[in-house]
Amino acid sequence: LATLAAATRAHGALLVADEIFTGFGRTGPLFAVERDGVRPDLLCCGKALGGGLPIAATIGRRELMEVWRRDGEALHTGTFLAHPLACAAAAGIAALTRGGAPLLAGRTIGALGALDFASPAAAMAFAGAARARGVLLLAGGAEHRTVQLVPPFVLTPAQLDAAFAVLAASLEEVAATHA
């Protein structure tokens, strides 16, 4: 990523980071680009921003954002533009930025992870075993054998520990039946 950032700078191109899925602590730091010390020209974020409500944002340098400024009607609008309830929910991000430390540091890359199973059946069995214990997971991926671990940023340490206990028990169950 640092090499890509250097190349965009050398050629006068903009670096746009899509952090809709990875932003707000899911990879450890607030944004994944921070892991490589990269500061993009534009950063797109969403999902965790509204705590489940539909809202997204594009963040950028002032001179880049100025192209959107117009008198009267916005140059570009979106379906969820400035929805009052979603904007209020987005204020919850302040709690994350005040807290600082990512919940899963040292266990995965931030809060994001994935488990690849030998077969789609094993992935489905794992997701089912976890669901029976109260943790919702989806099996998918290109070969339908990957389970994503994508917890919300509002997860408490106690909830995280409980989820890891469920994952461990579910893995043991699947290992016993899909060896």
C-alpha atoms as a PDB file:
ATOM      1  CA  LEU A   1       0.000   0.000   0.000  1.00  0.00           C
ATOM      2  CA  ALA A   2       2.860   2.377   0.760  1.00  0.00           C
ATOM      3  CA  THR A   3       4.345   1.624  -2.678  1.00  0.00           C
ATOM      4  CA  LEU A   4       0.998   2.322  -4.332  1.00  0.00           C
ATOM      5  CA  ALA A   5       0.689   5.605  -2.405  1.00  0.00           C
ATOM      6  CA  ALA A   6       4.171   6.647  -3.544  1.00  0.00           C
ATOM      7  CA  ALA A   7       3.314   5.813  -7.162  1.00  0.00           C
ATOM      8  CA  THR A   8       0.125   7.877  -7.072  1.00  0.00           C
ATOM      9  CA  ARG A   9       2.045  10.829  -5.669  1.00  0.00           C
ATOM     10  CA  ALA A  10       4.796  10.467  -8.297  1.00  0.00           C
ATOM     11  CA  HIS A  11       2.254  10.459 -11.140  1.00  0.00           C
ATOM     12  CA  GLY A  12      -0.090  13.121  -9.743  1.00  0.00           C
ATOM     13  CA  ALA A  13      -2.939  10.653  -9.278  1.00  0.00           C
ATOM     14  CA  LEU A  14      -5.303  10.539  -6.345  1.00  0.00           C
ATOM     15  CA  LEU A  15      -5.220   7.693  -3.856  1.00  0.00           C
ATOM     16  CA  VAL A  16      -8.746   6.706  -2.812  1.00  0.00           C
ATOM     17  CA  ALA A  17      -9.109   4.254   0.067  1.00  0.00           C
ATOM     18  CA  ASP A  18     -12.321   2.260   0.337  1.00  0.00           C
ATOM     19  CA  GLU A  19     -12.651   1.705   4.103  1.00  0.00           C
ATOM     20  CA  ILE A  20     -16.384   1.001   4.060  1.00  0.00           C
ATOM     21  CA  PHE A  21     -15.807  -2.543   5.298  1.00  0.00           C
ATOM     22  CA  THR A  22     -12.472  -2.133   7.086  1.00  0.00           C
ATOM     23  CA  GLY A  23     -12.865   1.244   8.776  1.00  0.00           C
ATOM     24  CA  PHE A  24     -13.428   2.235  12.385  1.00  0.00           C
ATOM     25  CA  GLY A  25     -11.086  -0.151  14.122  1.00  0.00           C
ATOM     26  CA  ARG A  26     -11.956  -3.373  12.347  1.00  0.00           C
ATOM     27  CA  THR A  27      -8.314  -3.908  11.343  1.00  0.00           C
ATOM     28  CA  GLY A  28      -6.744  -2.533  14.517  1.00  0.00           C
ATOM     29  CA  PRO A  29      -6.151   1.167  13.890  1.00  0.00           C
ATOM     30  CA  LEU A  30      -9.079   3.463  13.137  1.00  0.00           C
ATOM     31  CA  PHE A  31      -8.524   2.907   9.389  1.00  0.00           C
ATOM     32  CA  ALA A  32      -6.632   0.059   7.685  1.00  0.00           C
ATOM     33  CA  VAL A  33      -4.441   2.471   5.685  1.00  0.00           C
ATOM     34  CA  GLU A  34      -2.865   3.548   8.975  1.00  0.00           C
ATOM     35  CA  ARG A  35      -1.238   0.114   9.311  1.00  0.00           C
ATOM     36  CA  ASP A  36       1.065   1.126   6.438  1.00  0.00           C
ATOM     37  CA  GLY A  37       1.400   4.780   7.400  1.00  0.00           C
ATOM     38  CA  VAL A  38      -0.590   5.840   4.332  1.00  0.00           C
ATOM     39  CA  ARG A  39      -2.761   8.954   4.184  1.00  0.00           C
ATOM     40  CA  PRO A  40      -5.087   8.732   1.179  1.00  0.00           C
ATOM     41  CA  ASP A  41      -6.395  11.736  -0.725  1.00  0.00           C
ATOM     42  CA  LEU A  42      -9.966  10.485  -0.300  1.00  0.00           C
ATOM     43  CA  LEU A  43     -11.274   7.969   2.196  1.00  0.00           C
ATOM     44  CA  CYS A  44     -14.692   6.340   1.838  1.00  0.00           C
ATOM     45  CA  CYS A  45     -16.333   4.986   4.968  1.00  0.00           C
ATOM     46  CA  GLY A  46     -19.658   3.515   6.006  1.00  0.00           C
ATOM     47  CA  LYS A  47     -21.102   0.390   7.664  1.00  0.00           C
ATOM     48  CA  ALA A  48     -19.798   0.879  11.229  1.00  0.00           C
ATOM     49  CA  LEU A  49     -20.213   4.645  10.862  1.00  0.00           C
ATOM     50  CA  GLY A  50     -23.954   4.439  11.534  1.00  0.00           C
ATOM     51  CA  GLY A  51     -23.998   1.470  13.880  1.00  0.00           C
ATOM     52  CA  GLY A  52     -26.289  -0.401  11.488  1.00  0.00           C
ATOM     53  CA  LEU A  53     -28.156   2.612  10.135  1.00  0.00           C
ATOM     54  CA  PRO A  54     -27.618   3.663   6.502  1.00  0.00           C
ATOM     55  CA  ILE A  55     -24.954   6.356   6.347  1.00  0.00           C
ATOM     56  CA  ALA A  56     -21.648   6.766   4.574  1.00  0.00           C
ATOM     57  CA  ALA A  57     -19.063   9.497   4.167  1.00  0.00           C
ATOM     58  CA  THR A  58     -16.194  10.510   1.957  1.00  0.00           C
ATOM     59  CA  ILE A  59     -13.376  12.263   3.767  1.00  0.00           C
ATOM     60  CA  GLY A  60     -10.701  14.188   1.937  1.00  0.00           C
ATOM     61  CA  ARG A  61      -8.318  17.080   1.828  1.00  0.00           C
ATOM     62  CA  ARG A  62     -10.065  20.458   1.860  1.00  0.00           C
ATOM     63  CA  GLU A  63      -9.035  21.365  -1.697  1.00  0.00           C
ATOM     64  CA  LEU A  64     -10.471  18.117  -3.041  1.00  0.00           C
ATOM     65  CA  MET A  65     -13.721  18.492  -1.146  1.00  0.00           C
ATOM     66  CA  GLU A  66     -14.158  22.085  -2.357  1.00  0.00           C
ATOM     67  CA  VAL A  67     -15.165  20.822  -5.815  1.00  0.00           C
ATOM     68  CA  TRP A  68     -18.475  19.707  -4.259  1.00  0.00           C
ATOM     69  CA  ARG A  69     -19.304  23.150  -2.843  1.00  0.00           C
ATOM     70  CA  ARG A  70     -22.120  24.900  -4.693  1.00  0.00           C
ATOM     71  CA  ASP A  71     -24.672  27.576  -3.878  1.00  0.00           C
ATOM     72  CA  GLY A  72     -28.105  26.069  -3.353  1.00  0.00           C
ATOM     73  CA  GLU A  73     -28.678  22.474  -4.410  1.00  0.00           C
ATOM     74  CA  ALA A  74     -25.922  19.966  -3.687  1.00  0.00           C
ATOM     75  CA  LEU A  75     -23.894  18.975  -6.743  1.00  0.00           C
ATOM     76  CA  HIS A  76     -24.248  15.313  -5.783  1.00  0.00           C
ATOM     77  CA  THR A  77     -26.775  13.727  -3.467  1.00  0.00           C
ATOM     78  CA  GLY A  78     -27.368  10.251  -2.242  1.00  0.00           C
ATOM     79  CA  THR A  79     -30.255   8.178  -0.986  1.00  0.00           C
ATOM     80  CA  PHE A  80     -29.167   8.503   2.639  1.00  0.00           C
ATOM     81  CA  LEU A  81     -27.856  12.067   2.527  1.00  0.00           C
ATOM     82  CA  ALA A  82     -27.893  13.639   6.018  1.00  0.00           C
ATOM     83  CA  HIS A  83     -30.608  11.389   7.426  1.00  0.00           C
ATOM     84  CA  PRO A  84     -31.093  12.804  10.980  1.00  0.00           C
ATOM     85  CA  LEU A  85     -31.318   9.472  12.820  1.00  0.00           C
ATOM     86  CA  ALA A  86     -28.317   8.000  10.990  1.00  0.00           C
ATOM     87  CA  CYS A  87     -26.312  11.190  11.623  1.00  0.00           C
ATOM     88  CA  ALA A  88     -27.088  10.909  15.343  1.00  0.00           C
ATOM     89  CA  ALA A  89     -25.987   7.274  15.302  1.00  0.00           C
ATOM     90  CA  ALA A  90     -22.754   8.237  13.546  1.00  0.00           C
ATOM     91  CA  ALA A  91     -21.936  10.370  16.556  1.00  0.00           C
ATOM     92  CA  GLY A  92     -21.254   7.065  18.315  1.00  0.00           C
ATOM     93  CA  ILE A  93     -17.966   6.906  16.425  1.00  0.00           C
ATOM     94  CA  ALA A  94     -16.677   9.459  18.940  1.00  0.00           C
ATOM     95  CA  ALA A  95     -16.780   6.727  21.583  1.00  0.00           C
ATOM     96  CA  LEU A  96     -14.546   4.541  19.423  1.00  0.00           C
ATOM     97  CA  THR A  97     -12.020   7.280  18.748  1.00  0.00           C
ATOM     98  CA  ARG A  98     -11.870   8.198  22.442  1.00  0.00           C
ATOM     99  CA  GLY A  99     -11.373   4.572  23.470  1.00  0.00           C
ATOM    100  CA  GLY A 100      -8.294   4.085  21.319  1.00  0.00           C
ATOM    101  CA  ALA A 101      -7.271   0.437  21.707  1.00  0.00           C
ATOM    102  CA  PRO A 102      -8.756  -2.120  19.312  1.00  0.00           C
ATOM    103  CA  LEU A 103     -10.548  -4.983  21.026  1.00  0.00           C
ATOM    104  CA  LEU A 104      -8.862  -7.790  19.097  1.00  0.00           C
ATOM    105  CA  ALA A 105      -5.262  -6.599  19.006  1.00  0.00           C
ATOM    106  CA  GLY A 106      -2.973  -9.602  18.732  1.00  0.00           C
ATOM    107  CA  ARG A 107      -5.745 -12.109  17.858  1.00  0.00           C
ATOM    108  CA  THR A 108      -6.483 -11.183  14.254  1.00  0.00           C
ATOM    109  CA  ILE A 109      -5.865  -8.151  12.073  1.00  0.00           C
ATOM    110  CA  GLY A 110      -7.950  -5.920  14.267  1.00  0.00           C
ATOM    111  CA  ALA A 111     -11.480  -7.222  14.451  1.00  0.00           C
ATOM    112  CA  LEU A 112     -11.529  -8.749  10.968  1.00  0.00           C
ATOM    113  CA  GLY A 113     -10.719 -12.353  10.398  1.00  0.00           C
ATOM    114  CA  ALA A 114     -11.634 -15.320   8.264  1.00  0.00           C
ATOM    115  CA  LEU A 115     -11.498 -19.055   8.636  1.00  0.00           C
ATOM    116  CA  ASP A 116     -11.006 -21.240   5.573  1.00  0.00           C
ATOM    117  CA  PHE A 117     -12.379 -24.747   5.880  1.00  0.00           C
ATOM    118  CA  ALA A 118     -11.550 -27.834   3.820  1.00  0.00           C
ATOM    119  CA  SER A 119     -15.045 -27.956   2.336  1.00  0.00           C
ATOM    120  CA  PRO A 120     -18.244 -25.930   2.035  1.00  0.00           C
ATOM    121  CA  ALA A 121     -19.951 -28.518   4.262  1.00  0.00           C
ATOM    122  CA  ALA A 122     -17.426 -27.922   7.051  1.00  0.00           C
ATOM    123  CA  ALA A 123     -17.841 -24.139   6.745  1.00  0.00           C
ATOM    124  CA  MET A 124     -21.629 -24.471   6.932  1.00  0.00           C
ATOM    125  CA  ALA A 125     -21.348 -26.842   9.897  1.00  0.00           C
ATOM    126  CA  PHE A 126     -19.128 -24.360  11.739  1.00  0.00           C
ATOM    127  CA  ALA A 127     -21.509 -21.465  11.047  1.00  0.00           C
ATOM    128  CA  GLY A 128     -24.408 -23.636  12.220  1.00  0.00           C
ATOM    129  CA  ALA A 129     -22.614 -24.717  15.393  1.00  0.00           C
ATOM    130  CA  ALA A 130     -21.760 -21.109  16.230  1.00  0.00           C
ATOM    131  CA  ARG A 131     -25.334 -19.991  15.503  1.00  0.00           C
ATOM    132  CA  ALA A 132     -26.682 -22.676  17.844  1.00  0.00           C
ATOM    133  CA  ARG A 133     -24.466 -21.143  20.538  1.00  0.00           C
ATOM    134  CA  GLY A 134     -25.627 -17.584  19.825  1.00  0.00           C
ATOM    135  CA  VAL A 135     -22.988 -16.229  17.407  1.00  0.00           C
ATOM    136  CA  LEU A 136     -24.125 -15.393  13.873  1.00  0.00           C
ATOM    137  CA  LEU A 137     -21.663 -16.155  11.069  1.00  0.00           C
ATOM    138  CA  LEU A 138     -21.981 -16.557   7.329  1.00  0.00           C
ATOM    139  CA  ALA A 139     -20.164 -19.132   5.250  1.00  0.00           C
ATOM    140  CA  GLY A 140     -19.276 -17.970   1.759  1.00  0.00           C
ATOM    141  CA  GLY A 141     -16.335 -16.867  -0.311  1.00  0.00           C
ATOM    142  CA  ALA A 142     -15.457 -17.844  -3.851  1.00  0.00           C
ATOM    143  CA  GLU A 143     -15.404 -21.539  -2.974  1.00  0.00           C
ATOM    144  CA  HIS A 144     -18.113 -21.350  -0.269  1.00  0.00           C
ATOM    145  CA  ARG A 145     -15.717 -22.588   2.390  1.00  0.00           C
ATOM    146  CA  THR A 146     -14.733 -19.334   4.129  1.00  0.00           C
ATOM    147  CA  VAL A 147     -16.348 -17.921   7.251  1.00  0.00           C
ATOM    148  CA  GLN A 148     -15.821 -14.206   7.870  1.00  0.00           C
ATOM    149  CA  LEU A 149     -15.373 -12.856  11.382  1.00  0.00           C
ATOM    150  CA  VAL A 150     -16.730  -9.298  11.297  1.00  0.00           C
ATOM    151  CA  PRO A 151     -17.865  -8.152  14.751  1.00  0.00           C
ATOM    152  CA  PRO A 152     -19.354  -4.709  15.360  1.00  0.00           C
ATOM    153  CA  PHE A 153     -17.126  -2.028  16.841  1.00  0.00           C
ATOM    154  CA  VAL A 154     -19.440  -1.725  19.864  1.00  0.00           C
ATOM    155  CA  LEU A 155     -18.548  -5.224  21.077  1.00  0.00           C
ATOM    156  CA  THR A 156     -17.572  -5.232  24.752  1.00  0.00           C
ATOM    157  CA  PRO A 157     -14.537  -7.186  26.019  1.00  0.00           C
ATOM    158  CA  ALA A 158     -16.885  -9.602  27.822  1.00  0.00           C
ATOM    159  CA  GLN A 159     -18.874 -10.195  24.621  1.00  0.00           C
ATOM    160  CA  LEU A 160     -15.641 -10.716  22.719  1.00  0.00           C
ATOM    161  CA  ASP A 161     -14.425 -13.325  25.192  1.00  0.00           C
ATOM    162  CA  ALA A 162     -17.796 -15.093  25.021  1.00  0.00           C
ATOM    163  CA  ALA A 163     -17.689 -15.063  21.209  1.00  0.00           C
ATOM    164  CA  PHE A 164     -14.181 -16.563  21.173  1.00  0.00           C
ATOM    165  CA  ALA A 165     -15.364 -19.308  23.534  1.00  0.00           C
ATOM    166  CA  VAL A 166     -18.229 -20.052  21.131  1.00  0.00           C
ATOM    167  CA  LEU A 167     -15.839 -20.103  18.154  1.00  0.00           C
ATOM    168  CA  ALA A 168     -13.497 -22.499  19.955  1.00  0.00           C
ATOM    169  CA  ALA A 169     -16.330 -24.870  20.927  1.00  0.00           C
ATOM    170  CA  SER A 170     -17.746 -24.719  17.406  1.00  0.00           C
ATOM    171  CA  LEU A 171     -14.335 -25.506  15.887  1.00  0.00           C
ATOM    172  CA  GLU A 172     -13.969 -28.513  18.195  1.00  0.00           C
ATOM    173  CA  GLU A 173     -17.417 -29.763  17.164  1.00  0.00           C
ATOM    174  CA  VAL A 174     -16.668 -29.373  13.440  1.00  0.00           C
ATOM    175  CA  ALA A 175     -13.232 -30.969  13.799  1.00  0.00           C
ATOM    176  CA  ALA A 176     -14.825 -34.007  15.410  1.00  0.00           C
ATOM    177  CA  THR A 177     -17.434 -34.464  12.691  1.00  0.00           C
ATOM    178  CA  HIS A 178     -15.614 -33.220   9.552  1.00  0.00           C
ATOM    179  CA  ALA A 179     -12.108 -34.580  10.073  1.00  0.00           C
END
